[in-house]
PDB file of N, CA and C in Angstrom:
ATOM      1  N   UNK A   1      12.800 -34.715 -25.241  1.00  0.00           N
ATOM      2  CA  UNK A   1      13.571 -33.722 -24.895  1.00  0.00           C
ATOM      3  C   UNK A   1      14.909 -34.200 -24.182  1.00  0.00           C
ATOM      4  N   UNK A   2      14.819 -35.253 -23.455  1.00  0.00           N
ATOM      5  CA  UNK A   2      15.955 -35.694 -22.497  1.00  0.00           C
ATOM      6  C   UNK A   2      17.126 -36.334 -23.775  1.00  0.00           C
ATOM      7  N   UNK A   3      16.671 -36.879 -24.589  1.00  0.00           N
ATOM      8  CA  UNK A   3      17.694 -37.278 -25.643  1.00  0.00           C
ATOM      9  C   UNK A   3      18.245 -36.039 -26.323  1.00  0.00           C
ATOM     10  N   UNK A   4      17.622 -35.009 -26.761  1.00  0.00           N
ATOM     11  CA  UNK A   4      17.984 -33.855 -27.377  1.00  0.00           C
ATOM     12  C   UNK A   4      19.022 -33.196 -26.471  1.00  0.00           C
ATOM     13  N   UNK A   5      18.587 -33.181 -25.080  1.00  0.00           N
ATOM     14  CA  UNK A   5      19.412 -32.472 -24.106  1.00  0.00           C
ATOM     15  C   UNK A   5      20.821 -33.160 -23.882  1.00  0.00           C
ATOM     16  N   UNK A   6      20.709 -34.690 -23.990  1.00  0.00           N
ATOM     17  CA  UNK A   6      21.822 -35.306 -23.805  1.00  0.00           C
ATOM     18  C   UNK A   6      22.731 -35.076 -24.940  1.00  0.00           C
ATOM     19  N   UNK A   7      22.203 -35.202 -26.086  1.00  0.00           N
ATOM     20  CA  UNK A   7      23.099 -34.949 -27.403  1.00  0.00           C
ATOM     21  C   UNK A   7      23.886 -33.645 -27.189  1.00  0.00           C
ATOM     22  N   UNK A   8      23.194 -32.653 -26.682  1.00  0.00           N
ATOM     23  CA  UNK A   8      23.737 -31.240 -26.705  1.00  0.00           C
ATOM     24  C   UNK A   8      24.647 -31.198 -25.312  1.00  0.00           C
ATOM     25  N   UNK A   9      24.788 -32.106 -24.621  1.00  0.00           N
ATOM     26  CA  UNK A   9      25.634 -32.099 -23.319  1.00  0.00           C
ATOM     27  C   UNK A   9      25.009 -31.383 -22.182  1.00  0.00           C
ATOM     28  N   UNK A  10      23.576 -31.290 -22.153  1.00  0.00           N
ATOM     29  CA  UNK A  10      22.651 -30.527 -21.089  1.00  0.00           C
ATOM     30  C   UNK A  10      22.357 -31.723 -20.166  1.00  0.00           C
ATOM     31  N   UNK A  11      22.563 -31.458 -18.867  1.00  0.00           N
ATOM     32  CA  UNK A  11      22.161 -32.288 -17.785  1.00  0.00           C
ATOM     33  C   UNK A  11      20.807 -32.023 -17.447  1.00  0.00           C
ATOM     34  N   UNK A  12      20.046 -32.990 -17.448  1.00  0.00           N
ATOM     35  CA  UNK A  12      18.646 -33.083 -17.047  1.00  0.00           C
ATOM     36  C   UNK A  12      18.376 -33.514 -15.649  1.00  0.00           C
ATOM     37  N   UNK A  13      17.649 -32.514 -14.877  1.00  0.00           N
ATOM     38  CA  UNK A  13      17.406 -32.797 -13.507  1.00  0.00           C
ATOM     39  C   UNK A  13      16.698 -34.160 -13.350  1.00  0.00           C
ATOM     40  N   UNK A  14      17.056 -34.834 -12.230  1.00  0.00           N
ATOM     41  CA  UNK A  14      16.537 -35.978 -11.981  1.00  0.00           C
ATOM     42  C   UNK A  14      15.464 -36.102 -10.818  1.00  0.00           C
ATOM     43  N   UNK A  15      15.210 -34.802 -10.291  1.00  0.00           N
ATOM     44  CA  UNK A  15      14.203 -34.671  -9.223  1.00  0.00           C
ATOM     45  C   UNK A  15      13.636 -33.293  -9.192  1.00  0.00           C
ATOM     46  N   UNK A  16      12.447 -33.228  -8.538  1.00  0.00           N
ATOM     47  CA  UNK A  16      11.587 -32.070  -8.818  1.00  0.00           C
ATOM     48  C   UNK A  16      12.242 -30.843  -7.947  1.00  0.00           C
ATOM     49  N   UNK A  17      12.071 -29.695  -8.303  1.00  0.00           N
ATOM     50  CA  UNK A  17      12.582 -28.587  -7.439  1.00  0.00           C
ATOM     51  C   UNK A  17      11.858 -28.207  -6.496  1.00  0.00           C
ATOM     52  N   UNK A  18      12.242 -27.344  -5.659  1.00  0.00           N
ATOM     53  CA  UNK A  18      11.414 -26.884  -4.269  1.00  0.00           C
ATOM     54  C   UNK A  18      10.192 -26.459  -4.688  1.00  0.00           C
ATOM     55  N   UNK A  19      10.216 -25.316  -5.670  1.00  0.00           N
ATOM     56  CA  UNK A  19       8.950 -24.765  -5.964  1.00  0.00           C
ATOM     57  C   UNK A  19       7.975 -25.614  -6.509  1.00  0.00           C
ATOM     58  N   UNK A  20       8.234 -26.348  -7.361  1.00  0.00           N
ATOM     59  CA  UNK A  20       7.188 -27.443  -7.979  1.00  0.00           C
ATOM     60  C   UNK A  20       6.788 -28.433  -6.912  1.00  0.00           C
ATOM     61  N   UNK A  21       7.703 -28.663  -5.850  1.00  0.00           N
ATOM     62  CA  UNK A  21       7.196 -29.729  -4.829  1.00  0.00           C
ATOM     63  C   UNK A  21       6.100 -29.137  -4.159  1.00  0.00           C
ATOM     64  N   UNK A  22       6.262 -27.712  -3.756  1.00  0.00           N
ATOM     65  CA  UNK A  22       5.278 -27.025  -3.047  1.00  0.00           C
ATOM     66  C   UNK A  22       4.031 -27.012  -3.702  1.00  0.00           C
ATOM     67  N   UNK A  23       4.195 -26.743  -5.078  1.00  0.00           N
ATOM     68  CA  UNK A  23       2.687 -26.954  -5.795  1.00  0.00           C
ATOM     69  C   UNK A  23       2.067 -28.243  -5.837  1.00  0.00           C
ATOM     70  N   UNK A  24       2.902 -29.206  -5.840  1.00  0.00           N
ATOM     71  CA  UNK A  24       2.277 -30.658  -5.912  1.00  0.00           C
ATOM     72  C   UNK A  24       1.664 -30.965  -4.513  1.00  0.00           C
ATOM     73  N   UNK A  25       2.597 -30.414  -3.462  1.00  0.00           N
ATOM     74  CA  UNK A  25       2.079 -30.761  -2.092  1.00  0.00           C
ATOM     75  C   UNK A  25       0.582 -29.936  -1.801  1.00  0.00           C
ATOM     76  N   UNK A  26       0.529 -28.722  -2.377  1.00  0.00           N
ATOM     77  CA  UNK A  26      -0.613 -28.013  -2.221  1.00  0.00           C
ATOM     78  C   UNK A  26      -1.856 -28.713  -3.012  1.00  0.00           C
ATOM     79  N   UNK A  27      -1.610 -29.265  -3.972  1.00  0.00           N
ATOM     80  CA  UNK A  27      -2.712 -30.014  -4.584  1.00  0.00           C
ATOM     81  C   UNK A  27      -3.016 -31.168  -3.917  1.00  0.00           C
ATOM     82  N   UNK A  28      -2.079 -31.921  -3.438  1.00  0.00           N
ATOM     83  CA  UNK A  28      -2.383 -33.080  -2.705  1.00  0.00           C
ATOM     84  C   UNK A  28      -3.104 -32.983  -1.568  1.00  0.00           C
ATOM     85  N   UNK A  29      -2.991 -31.745  -0.866  1.00  0.00           N
ATOM     86  CA  UNK A  29      -3.726 -31.394   0.351  1.00  0.00           C
ATOM     87  C   UNK A  29      -4.881 -30.571   0.059  1.00  0.00           C
ATOM     88  N   UNK A  30      -5.199 -30.260  -1.126  1.00  0.00           N
ATOM     89  CA  UNK A  30      -6.370 -29.456  -1.354  1.00  0.00           C
ATOM     90  C   UNK A  30      -7.755 -30.207  -1.091  1.00  0.00           C
ATOM     91  N   UNK A  31      -8.715 -29.509  -0.608  1.00  0.00           N
ATOM     92  CA  UNK A  31      -9.944 -30.220  -0.494  1.00  0.00           C
ATOM     93  C   UNK A  31     -10.729 -30.390  -1.710  1.00  0.00           C
ATOM     94  N   UNK A  32     -11.454 -31.556  -1.844  1.00  0.00           N
ATOM     95  CA  UNK A  32     -12.249 -31.755  -3.081  1.00  0.00           C
ATOM     96  C   UNK A  32     -12.881 -30.812  -3.761  1.00  0.00           C
ATOM     97  N   UNK A  33     -13.697 -29.812  -2.889  1.00  0.00           N
ATOM     98  CA  UNK A  33     -14.199 -28.843  -3.393  1.00  0.00           C
ATOM     99  C   UNK A  33     -13.519 -27.796  -4.260  1.00  0.00           C
ATOM    100  N   UNK A  34     -12.246 -27.605  -3.836  1.00  0.00           N
ATOM    101  CA  UNK A  34     -11.387 -26.651  -4.574  1.00  0.00           C
ATOM    102  C   UNK A  34     -10.292 -27.285  -5.354  1.00  0.00           C
ATOM    103  N   UNK A  35     -10.148 -28.587  -5.504  1.00  0.00           N
ATOM    104  CA  UNK A  35      -9.085 -29.478  -6.209  1.00  0.00           C
ATOM    105  C   UNK A  35      -9.120 -29.073  -7.723  1.00  0.00           C
ATOM    106  N   UNK A  36     -10.274 -29.169  -8.387  1.00  0.00           N
ATOM    107  CA  UNK A  36     -10.302 -28.801  -9.866  1.00  0.00           C
ATOM    108  C   UNK A  36      -9.857 -27.360 -10.161  1.00  0.00           C
ATOM    109  N   UNK A  37     -10.277 -26.545  -9.385  1.00  0.00           N
ATOM    110  CA  UNK A  37      -9.755 -25.103  -9.635  1.00  0.00           C
ATOM    111  C   UNK A  37      -8.389 -24.922  -9.256  1.00  0.00           C
ATOM    112  N   UNK A  38      -7.789 -25.476  -8.277  1.00  0.00           N
ATOM    113  CA  UNK A  38      -6.402 -25.342  -7.798  1.00  0.00           C
ATOM    114  C   UNK A  38      -5.739 -26.116  -8.782  1.00  0.00           C
ATOM    115  N   UNK A  39      -5.929 -27.075  -9.501  1.00  0.00           N
ATOM    116  CA  UNK A  39      -5.373 -27.916 -10.710  1.00  0.00           C
ATOM    117  C   UNK A  39      -5.375 -27.115 -11.646  1.00  0.00           C
ATOM    118  N   UNK A  40      -6.372 -26.748 -12.120  1.00  0.00           N
ATOM    119  CA  UNK A  40      -6.461 -25.712 -13.499  1.00  0.00           C
ATOM    120  C   UNK A  40      -5.540 -24.528 -13.232  1.00  0.00           C
ATOM    121  N   UNK A  41      -5.564 -23.914 -12.209  1.00  0.00           N
ATOM    122  CA  UNK A  41      -4.656 -22.659 -11.813  1.00  0.00           C
ATOM    123  C   UNK A  41      -3.220 -23.069 -12.102  1.00  0.00           C
ATOM    124  N   UNK A  42      -3.011 -24.207 -11.474  1.00  0.00           N
ATOM    125  CA  UNK A  42      -1.479 -24.722 -11.634  1.00  0.00           C
ATOM    126  C   UNK A  42      -1.109 -25.041 -13.007  1.00  0.00           C
ATOM    127  N   UNK A  43      -2.087 -25.799 -13.792  1.00  0.00           N
ATOM    128  CA  UNK A  43      -1.859 -26.035 -15.135  1.00  0.00           C
ATOM    129  C   UNK A  43      -1.633 -24.706 -16.117  1.00  0.00           C
ATOM    130  N   UNK A  44      -2.391 -23.706 -15.760  1.00  0.00           N
ATOM    131  CA  UNK A  44      -2.429 -22.499 -16.345  1.00  0.00           C
ATOM    132  C   UNK A  44      -0.954 -21.890 -16.452  1.00  0.00           C
ATOM    133  N   UNK A  45      -0.547 -21.761 -15.179  1.00  0.00           N
ATOM    134  CA  UNK A  45       0.682 -21.165 -14.942  1.00  0.00           C
ATOM    135  C   UNK A  45       1.740 -22.001 -15.635  1.00  0.00           C
ATOM    136  N   UNK A  46       1.729 -23.297 -15.304  1.00  0.00           N
ATOM    137  CA  UNK A  46       2.751 -24.223 -15.970  1.00  0.00           C
ATOM    138  C   UNK A  46       2.857 -24.188 -17.448  1.00  0.00           C
ATOM    139  N   UNK A  47       1.622 -24.028 -18.090  1.00  0.00           N
ATOM    140  CA  UNK A  47       1.767 -24.019 -19.517  1.00  0.00           C
ATOM    141  C   UNK A  47       2.115 -22.672 -19.865  1.00  0.00           C
ATOM    142  N   UNK A  48       1.887 -21.618 -19.401  1.00  0.00           N
ATOM    143  CA  UNK A  48       2.345 -20.255 -19.602  1.00  0.00           C
ATOM    144  C   UNK A  48       3.937 -20.247 -19.554  1.00  0.00           C
ATOM    145  N   UNK A  49       4.294 -20.711 -18.512  1.00  0.00           N
ATOM    146  CA  UNK A  49       5.808 -20.937 -18.310  1.00  0.00           C
ATOM    147  C   UNK A  49       6.527 -21.617 -19.313  1.00  0.00           C
ATOM    148  N   UNK A  50       5.885 -22.630 -19.574  1.00  0.00           N
ATOM    149  CA  UNK A  50       6.439 -23.651 -20.608  1.00  0.00           C
ATOM    150  C   UNK A  50       6.614 -23.000 -21.859  1.00  0.00           C
ATOM    151  N   UNK A  51       5.419 -22.365 -22.482  1.00  0.00           N
ATOM    152  CA  UNK A  51       5.488 -21.714 -23.556  1.00  0.00           C
ATOM    153  C   UNK A  51       6.514 -20.553 -23.783  1.00  0.00           C
ATOM    154  N   UNK A  52       6.532 -19.891 -22.764  1.00  0.00           N
ATOM    155  CA  UNK A  52       7.745 -18.820 -22.661  1.00  0.00           C
ATOM    156  C   UNK A  52       9.046 -19.238 -22.849  1.00  0.00           C
ATOM    157  N   UNK A  53       9.211 -20.359 -21.998  1.00  0.00           N
ATOM    158  CA  UNK A  53      10.777 -20.949 -22.045  1.00  0.00           C
ATOM    159  C   UNK A  53      10.958 -21.617 -23.316  1.00  0.00           C
ATOM    160  N   UNK A  54      10.050 -22.435 -23.947  1.00  0.00           N
ATOM    161  CA  UNK A  54      10.155 -22.937 -25.240  1.00  0.00           C
ATOM    162  C   UNK A  54      10.449 -21.900 -26.315  1.00  0.00           C
ATOM    163  N   UNK A  55       9.648 -20.707 -26.275  1.00  0.00           N
ATOM    164  CA  UNK A  55       9.702 -19.821 -27.171  1.00  0.00           C
ATOM    165  C   UNK A  55      11.120 -19.212 -27.142  1.00  0.00           C
ATOM    166  N   UNK A  56      11.609 -18.706 -26.037  1.00  0.00           N
ATOM    167  CA  UNK A  56      12.698 -18.152 -25.742  1.00  0.00           C
ATOM    168  C   UNK A  56      13.878 -19.082 -26.176  1.00  0.00           C
ATOM    169  N   UNK A  57      14.007 -20.211 -25.836  1.00  0.00           N
ATOM    170  CA  UNK A  57      14.847 -21.280 -26.080  1.00  0.00           C
ATOM    171  C   UNK A  57      15.025 -21.481 -27.718  1.00  0.00           C
ATOM    172  N   UNK A  58      13.837 -21.735 -28.369  1.00  0.00           N
ATOM    173  CA  UNK A  58      13.867 -22.112 -29.678  1.00  0.00           C
ATOM    174  C   UNK A  58      14.357 -20.667 -30.385  1.00  0.00           C
ATOM    175  N   UNK A  59      14.380 -19.591 -29.925  1.00  0.00           N
ATOM    176  CA  UNK A  59      14.730 -18.409 -30.644  1.00  0.00           C
ATOM    177  C   UNK A  59      16.143 -18.143 -30.293  1.00  0.00           C
ATOM    178  N   UNK A  60      16.562 -18.254 -29.143  1.00  0.00           N
ATOM    179  CA  UNK A  60      17.699 -17.526 -28.557  1.00  0.00           C
ATOM    180  C   UNK A  60      18.848 -18.718 -28.032  1.00  0.00           C
ATOM    181  N   UNK A  61      18.409 -19.928 -27.899  1.00  0.00           N
ATOM    182  CA  UNK A  61      19.265 -20.912 -27.399  1.00  0.00           C
ATOM    183  C   UNK A  61      20.363 -21.200 -28.430  1.00  0.00           C
ATOM    184  N   UNK A  62      21.362 -22.004 -27.848  1.00  0.00           N
ATOM    185  CA  UNK A  62      22.456 -22.302 -28.663  1.00  0.00           C
ATOM    186  C   UNK A  62      21.885 -23.332 -29.701  1.00  0.00           C
ATOM    187  N   UNK A  63      22.519 -23.343 -31.023  1.00  0.00           N
ATOM    188  CA  UNK A  63      22.190 -24.319 -32.059  1.00  0.00           C
ATOM    189  C   UNK A  63      22.332 -25.682 -31.492  1.00  0.00           C
ATOM    190  N   UNK A  64      21.393 -26.516 -31.890  1.00  0.00           N
ATOM    191  CA  UNK A  64      21.775 -28.079 -31.520  1.00  0.00           C
ATOM    192  C   UNK A  64      20.397 -28.557 -31.485  1.00  0.00           C
ATOM    193  N   UNK A  65      20.317 -30.031 -31.072  1.00  0.00           N
ATOM    194  CA  UNK A  65      19.197 -30.738 -31.004  1.00  0.00           C
ATOM    195  C   UNK A  65      18.245 -30.112 -30.067  1.00  0.00           C
ATOM    196  N   UNK A  66      18.552 -29.694 -28.843  1.00  0.00           N
ATOM    197  CA  UNK A  66      17.712 -29.199 -27.846  1.00  0.00           C
ATOM    198  C   UNK A  66      16.799 -27.904 -28.320  1.00  0.00           C
ATOM    199  N   UNK A  67      17.609 -27.122 -29.263  1.00  0.00           N
ATOM    200  CA  UNK A  67      16.867 -25.967 -29.819  1.00  0.00           C
ATOM    201  C   UNK A  67      15.931 -26.366 -30.849  1.00  0.00           C
ATOM    202  N   UNK A  68      16.264 -27.375 -31.593  1.00  0.00           N
ATOM    203  CA  UNK A  68      15.295 -27.854 -32.599  1.00  0.00           C
ATOM    204  C   UNK A  68      14.202 -28.606 -31.962  1.00  0.00           C
ATOM    205  N   UNK A  69      14.505 -29.207 -30.958  1.00  0.00           N
ATOM    206  CA  UNK A  69      13.362 -30.196 -30.353  1.00  0.00           C
ATOM    207  C   UNK A  69      12.279 -29.038 -29.765  1.00  0.00           C
ATOM    208  N   UNK A  70      12.823 -28.036 -29.137  1.00  0.00           N
ATOM    209  CA  UNK A  70      12.097 -26.855 -28.413  1.00  0.00           C
ATOM    210  C   UNK A  70      11.190 -26.382 -29.391  1.00  0.00           C
ATOM    211  N   UNK A  71      11.682 -26.098 -30.632  1.00  0.00           N
ATOM    212  CA  UNK A  71      10.777 -25.386 -31.638  1.00  0.00           C
ATOM    213  C   UNK A  71       9.672 -26.509 -32.321  1.00  0.00           C
ATOM    214  N   UNK A  72      10.150 -27.629 -32.273  1.00  0.00           N
ATOM    215  CA  UNK A  72       9.024 -28.557 -32.840  1.00  0.00           C
ATOM    216  C   UNK A  72       7.939 -28.785 -31.722  1.00  0.00           C
ATOM    217  N   UNK A  73       8.357 -28.743 -30.476  1.00  0.00           N
ATOM    218  CA  UNK A  73       7.328 -28.966 -29.345  1.00  0.00           C
ATOM    219  C   UNK A  73       6.426 -27.786 -29.170  1.00  0.00           C
ATOM    220  N   UNK A  74       6.980 -26.565 -29.534  1.00  0.00           N
ATOM    221  CA  UNK A  74       6.276 -25.381 -29.157  1.00  0.00           C
ATOM    222  C   UNK A  74       4.683 -25.230 -29.547  1.00  0.00           C
ATOM    223  N   UNK A  75       4.524 -25.716 -30.740  1.00  0.00           N
ATOM    224  CA  UNK A  75       3.063 -25.591 -31.362  1.00  0.00           C
ATOM    225  C   UNK A  75       2.020 -26.442 -30.463  1.00  0.00           C
ATOM    226  N   UNK A  76       2.604 -27.553 -30.019  1.00  0.00           N
ATOM    227  CA  UNK A  76       1.840 -28.391 -29.224  1.00  0.00           C
ATOM    228  C   UNK A  76       1.448 -27.826 -27.699  1.00  0.00           C
ATOM    229  N   UNK A  77       2.619 -27.034 -27.288  1.00  0.00           N
ATOM    230  CA  UNK A  77       2.501 -26.502 -26.023  1.00  0.00           C
ATOM    231  C   UNK A  77       1.496 -25.296 -26.089  1.00  0.00           C
ATOM    232  N   UNK A  78       1.605 -24.628 -27.126  1.00  0.00           N
ATOM    233  CA  UNK A  78       0.687 -23.386 -27.346  1.00  0.00           C
ATOM    234  C   UNK A  78      -0.841 -23.943 -27.426  1.00  0.00           C
ATOM    235  N   UNK A  79      -1.016 -25.088 -28.089  1.00  0.00           N
ATOM    236  CA  UNK A  79      -2.339 -25.764 -28.162  1.00  0.00           C
ATOM    237  C   UNK A  79      -2.916 -26.155 -26.854  1.00  0.00           C
ATOM    238  N   UNK A  80      -1.962 -26.704 -26.076  1.00  0.00           N
ATOM    239  CA  UNK A  80      -2.407 -27.057 -24.698  1.00  0.00           C
ATOM    240  C   UNK A  80      -2.696 -25.855 -23.787  1.00  0.00           C
ATOM    241  N   UNK A  81      -1.945 -24.720 -23.946  1.00  0.00           N
ATOM    242  CA  UNK A  81      -2.244 -23.504 -23.272  1.00  0.00           C
ATOM    243  C   UNK A  81      -3.518 -23.014 -23.764  1.00  0.00           C
ATOM    244  N   UNK A  82      -3.944 -22.996 -25.022  1.00  0.00           N
ATOM    245  CA  UNK A  82      -5.233 -22.391 -25.280  1.00  0.00           C
ATOM    246  C   UNK A  82      -6.447 -23.312 -24.750  1.00  0.00           C
ATOM    247  N   UNK A  83      -6.109 -24.644 -24.617  1.00  0.00           N
ATOM    248  CA  UNK A  83      -7.234 -25.615 -24.043  1.00  0.00           C
ATOM    249  C   UNK A  83      -7.296 -25.244 -22.571  1.00  0.00           C
ATOM    250  N   UNK A  84      -6.211 -25.112 -21.821  1.00  0.00           N
ATOM    251  CA  UNK A  84      -6.230 -24.773 -20.395  1.00  0.00           C
ATOM    252  C   UNK A  84      -6.945 -23.578 -20.241  1.00  0.00           C
ATOM    253  N   UNK A  85      -6.575 -22.462 -20.960  1.00  0.00           N
ATOM    254  CA  UNK A  85      -7.326 -21.093 -20.881  1.00  0.00           C
ATOM    255  C   UNK A  85      -8.829 -21.296 -21.003  1.00  0.00           C
ATOM    256  N   UNK A  86      -9.228 -22.167 -22.010  1.00  0.00           N
ATOM    257  CA  UNK A  86     -10.715 -22.466 -22.105  1.00  0.00           C
ATOM    258  C   UNK A  86     -11.192 -22.944 -21.099  1.00  0.00           C
ATOM    259  N   UNK A  87     -10.607 -23.932 -20.361  1.00  0.00           N
ATOM    260  CA  UNK A  87     -11.225 -24.653 -19.179  1.00  0.00           C
ATOM    261  C   UNK A  87     -11.102 -23.542 -17.916  1.00  0.00           C
ATOM    262  N   UNK A  88     -10.247 -22.688 -17.867  1.00  0.00           N
ATOM    263  CA  UNK A  88     -10.216 -21.875 -16.605  1.00  0.00           C
ATOM    264  C   UNK A  88     -11.221 -20.715 -16.825  1.00  0.00           C
ATOM    265  N   UNK A  89     -11.636 -20.456 -18.035  1.00  0.00           N
ATOM    266  CA  UNK A  89     -12.703 -19.458 -18.313  1.00  0.00           C
ATOM    267  C   UNK A  89     -14.073 -19.878 -18.191  1.00  0.00           C
ATOM    268  N   UNK A  90     -14.402 -21.216 -17.901  1.00  0.00           N
ATOM    269  CA  UNK A  90     -15.730 -21.751 -17.644  1.00  0.00           C
ATOM    270  C   UNK A  90     -16.167 -21.382 -16.230  1.00  0.00           C
TER     271      UNK A  90
END
């Protein structure tokens, strides 16, 4: 993704955003009894967001390497989402 973004002149962030930092901090401070559920919940949301973003960009983004790469990665993201959904339903 980084190489595709660079080829298209898109700047890639070099640090984590504030919302993501809060989520990481919450996981780091979760007690062991709730860590698995908290992690799965975070992963479910992250994968849902990623699939939505990649779907939108692969359909509506400007033509270029980044759009093509988003389309190529999307099937793997969908598969990961299905797997996380399966884990959260147990």
